[in-house]
Amino acid sequence: QTEIAMSTADVIVFVVDTSGSMAARSRVRAVTGAIMSMLTDAYQRRDKVAVIAVNGNKPTLVLSPTSSVDMAQKSLDAMPMGGRTPLAEGLIMAKDLMEREHRREPSRRPLLVVMTDGEDTSDAGEQGIVTAARTVVKSGLSGNLVIDCEGRLKIRKERAAVLAELLGGVCVRLSDMNGDNIKTVINA
């Protein structure tokens, strides 16, 4: 298992699946709570955070890199929800954002945090995710963490774990996370 130390990350890019499959109110609250815990920790270290919402026809940059927890909270509260899951496009958008930030401040190391059930329901599909993940890895810029937000199903699809493997990163289930252990998970 790859270890990701948040203390070495200076720019945290969240790719948050807010599609129809993720729109259950309790799951959105859990995702938002996890992000806010991570944002508070990042703010204390003066890191920057960015949030990309993945839903509908295309991903949306809902928060440009900032160190403002207040701006982050407002952006999370206003995140678009529902529709399809253009996850592959969201990964590419994150890679492009990390490249721009790296050019601007080469000393800042990015951490990509993808909160998803791992499914792309856009035209890109599973092959699009494979291609996008390879592109992220090839850039060599970021440590990668996938937070598995798949609901409680009798038969789990485990697509988030596959995505984490493709990214050479770590996969943690959202249900295993809370405010107290998020820092432990990230600093493992």
Protein backbone atom coordinates (compact mmCIF):
# COMPACT_ATOMS: atom_id res chain seq x y z
CA GLN A 1 0.00 0.00 0.00
CA THR A 2 1.34 3.38 -1.01
CA GLU A 3 1.71 5.89 1.78
CA ILE A 4 0.55 9.45 1.29
CA ALA A 5 1.73 12.10 3.70
CA MET A 6 -0.51 15.14 3.62
CA SER A 7 2.28 17.04 5.32
CA THR A 8 4.22 16.89 2.05
CA ALA A 9 1.24 18.15 0.05
CA ASP A 10 0.90 21.86 -0.41
CA VAL A 11 -1.99 21.86 -2.88
CA ILE A 12 -4.89 19.48 -2.31
CA VAL A 13 -7.17 19.00 -5.30
CA PHE A 14 -10.50 17.36 -4.46
CA VAL A 15 -12.43 15.71 -7.27
CA VAL A 16 -15.88 15.16 -5.79
CA ASP A 17 -18.48 12.98 -7.47
CA THR A 18 -21.78 14.83 -7.02
CA SER A 19 -23.69 12.86 -9.65
CA GLY A 20 -27.08 11.23 -9.23
CA SER A 21 -25.57 8.09 -7.71
CA MET A 22 -23.94 10.22 -5.00
CA ALA A 23 -26.85 12.57 -4.37
CA ALA A 24 -28.23 10.85 -1.27
CA ARG A 25 -28.36 13.58 1.36
CA SER A 26 -26.54 11.54 4.04
CA ARG A 27 -23.69 10.69 1.65
CA VAL A 28 -23.29 14.32 0.59
CA ARG A 29 -23.14 15.37 4.26
CA ALA A 30 -20.50 12.72 4.96
CA VAL A 31 -18.41 13.81 1.95
CA THR A 32 -18.72 17.50 2.86
CA GLY A 33 -17.78 16.76 6.48
CA ALA A 34 -14.70 14.80 5.39
CA ILE A 35 -13.63 17.58 3.03
CA MET A 36 -14.09 20.27 5.71
CA SER A 37 -11.94 18.28 8.17
CA MET A 38 -9.22 17.98 5.56
CA LEU A 39 -9.57 21.64 4.60
CA THR A 40 -9.23 22.78 8.20
CA ASP A 41 -6.05 20.71 8.56
CA ALA A 42 -4.73 22.09 5.25
CA TYR A 43 -5.53 25.66 6.31
CA GLN A 44 -3.55 25.24 9.52
CA ARG A 45 -0.53 24.27 7.40
CA ARG A 46 -1.19 27.15 4.94
CA ASP A 47 -1.83 24.74 2.08
CA LYS A 48 -4.07 25.56 -0.85
CA VAL A 49 -7.14 23.54 -1.73
CA ALA A 50 -9.24 23.29 -4.87
CA VAL A 51 -12.54 21.47 -5.49
CA ILE A 52 -13.81 20.04 -8.77
CA ALA A 53 -17.41 18.78 -8.81
CA VAL A 54 -18.07 15.90 -11.19
CA ASN A 55 -21.68 15.71 -12.33
CA GLY A 56 -24.00 16.43 -15.22
CA ASN A 57 -22.40 16.84 -18.63
CA LYS A 58 -18.99 18.09 -17.52
CA PRO A 59 -16.91 18.65 -14.40
CA THR A 60 -16.95 22.09 -12.76
CA LEU A 61 -14.17 23.88 -10.92
CA VAL A 62 -16.19 25.05 -7.92
CA LEU A 63 -13.20 26.28 -5.93
CA SER A 64 -9.98 27.57 -7.45
CA PRO A 65 -6.87 26.92 -5.33
CA THR A 66 -7.25 28.92 -2.12
CA SER A 67 -6.34 28.75 1.54
CA SER A 68 -9.69 30.23 2.63
CA VAL A 69 -11.81 27.75 4.60
CA ASP A 70 -14.77 30.17 4.40
CA MET A 71 -14.63 30.26 0.61
CA ALA A 72 -14.33 26.47 0.56
CA GLN A 73 -17.39 26.06 2.79
CA LYS A 74 -19.47 28.36 0.56
CA SER A 75 -18.32 26.47 -2.55
CA LEU A 76 -19.17 23.10 -1.01
CA ASP A 77 -22.62 24.33 0.04
CA ALA A 78 -23.30 25.45 -3.54
CA MET A 79 -21.89 22.38 -5.34
CA PRO A 80 -23.99 21.26 -8.29
CA MET A 81 -25.60 17.81 -7.86
CA GLY A 82 -27.26 15.11 -9.91
CA GLY A 83 -27.00 13.75 -13.41
CA ARG A 84 -24.27 11.71 -15.02
CA THR A 85 -20.69 11.15 -13.82
CA PRO A 86 -17.97 12.53 -16.13
CA LEU A 87 -15.27 11.20 -13.78
CA ALA A 88 -12.59 10.75 -16.46
CA GLU A 89 -12.99 14.40 -17.49
CA GLY A 90 -12.78 15.44 -13.84
CA LEU A 91 -9.47 13.59 -13.45
CA ILE A 92 -8.07 15.33 -16.53
CA MET A 93 -9.29 18.71 -15.23
CA ALA A 94 -7.52 17.98 -11.93
CA LYS A 95 -4.29 17.03 -13.71
CA ASP A 96 -4.41 20.25 -15.75
CA LEU A 97 -5.05 22.28 -12.58
CA MET A 98 -2.14 20.60 -10.78
CA GLU A 99 0.15 21.30 -13.75
CA ARG A 100 -0.84 25.00 -13.73
CA GLU A 101 -0.24 25.23 -9.98
CA HIS A 102 3.11 23.45 -10.37
CA ARG A 103 4.22 25.94 -13.02
CA ARG A 104 3.12 28.82 -10.78
CA GLU A 105 4.69 27.42 -7.59
CA PRO A 106 7.03 24.48 -8.32
CA SER A 107 7.81 23.94 -4.65
CA ARG A 108 4.18 23.02 -3.83
CA ARG A 109 3.46 19.28 -4.06
CA PRO A 110 -0.10 18.34 -5.06
CA LEU A 111 -2.28 15.69 -3.48
CA LEU A 112 -5.23 14.45 -5.54
CA VAL A 113 -8.19 13.32 -3.42
CA VAL A 114 -10.96 11.68 -5.45
CA MET A 115 -14.25 11.13 -3.61
CA THR A 116 -16.35 8.79 -5.72
CA ASP A 117 -17.98 5.41 -6.16
CA GLY A 118 -15.53 5.04 -9.07
CA GLU A 119 -18.07 4.88 -11.86
CA ASP A 120 -18.03 7.06 -14.99
CA THR A 121 -21.50 7.16 -16.53
CA SER A 122 -20.53 9.59 -19.29
CA ASP A 123 -19.60 8.50 -22.80
CA ALA A 124 -15.99 8.02 -21.62
CA GLY A 125 -16.94 5.06 -19.43
CA GLU A 126 -14.44 2.69 -17.84
CA GLN A 127 -11.91 3.05 -20.66
CA GLY A 128 -11.98 6.82 -20.16
CA ILE A 129 -11.14 6.36 -16.48
CA VAL A 130 -8.21 4.07 -17.36
CA THR A 131 -6.85 6.61 -19.85
CA ALA A 132 -7.37 9.57 -17.49
CA ALA A 133 -5.73 7.73 -14.57
CA ARG A 134 -2.71 6.89 -16.74
CA THR A 135 -2.46 10.56 -17.72
CA VAL A 136 -2.50 11.64 -14.04
CA VAL A 137 0.17 9.06 -13.15
CA LYS A 138 2.30 9.98 -16.17
CA SER A 139 2.35 13.63 -15.05
CA GLY A 140 4.11 12.41 -11.89
CA LEU A 141 2.90 15.43 -9.95
CA SER A 142 0.67 14.10 -7.23
CA GLY A 143 0.15 11.63 -4.49
CA ASN A 144 -3.27 10.10 -4.99
CA LEU A 145 -6.00 9.14 -2.55
CA VAL A 146 -9.41 7.72 -3.47
CA ILE A 147 -12.18 7.87 -0.90
CA ASP A 148 -14.70 5.16 -1.77
CA CYS A 149 -18.19 6.63 -1.49
CA GLU A 150 -20.05 3.60 -2.84
CA GLY A 151 -23.33 3.15 -1.00
CA ARG A 152 -24.33 0.20 1.09
CA LEU A 153 -25.00 -2.39 -1.55
CA LYS A 154 -25.29 -6.13 -1.07
CA ILE A 155 -22.79 -6.57 -3.87
CA ARG A 156 -20.12 -3.89 -3.94
CA LYS A 157 -18.65 -3.02 -7.33
CA GLU A 158 -15.31 -1.89 -5.82
CA ARG A 159 -14.68 0.53 -8.70
CA ALA A 160 -13.11 3.10 -6.37
CA ALA A 161 -10.49 0.54 -5.32
CA VAL A 162 -9.75 -0.14 -8.99
CA LEU A 163 -9.37 3.62 -9.59
CA ALA A 164 -6.96 3.90 -6.63
CA GLU A 165 -4.91 1.04 -8.07
CA LEU A 166 -4.84 2.71 -11.50
CA LEU A 167 -3.65 5.92 -9.83
CA GLY A 168 -1.03 4.09 -7.79
CA GLY A 169 -2.73 5.48 -4.71
CA VAL A 170 -4.58 4.50 -1.57
CA CYS A 171 -8.30 3.72 -1.28
CA VAL A 172 -10.22 4.34 1.94
CA ARG A 173 -13.95 3.83 2.42
CA LEU A 174 -15.88 6.97 3.37
CA SER A 175 -17.76 4.93 5.98
CA ASP A 176 -14.42 4.27 7.72
CA MET A 177 -13.62 7.96 7.98
CA ASN A 178 -14.56 10.52 10.60
CA GLY A 179 -13.13 13.82 11.75
CA ASP A 180 -10.81 12.12 14.23
CA ASN A 181 -9.20 9.61 11.91
CA ILE A 182 -8.97 11.59 8.66
CA LYS A 183 -5.58 13.00 9.59
CA THR A 184 -4.40 9.50 10.53
CA VAL A 185 -5.57 8.08 7.20
CA ILE A 186 -3.88 10.84 5.22
CA ASN A 187 -0.66 10.72 7.23
CA ALA A 188 -0.46 6.90 7.25
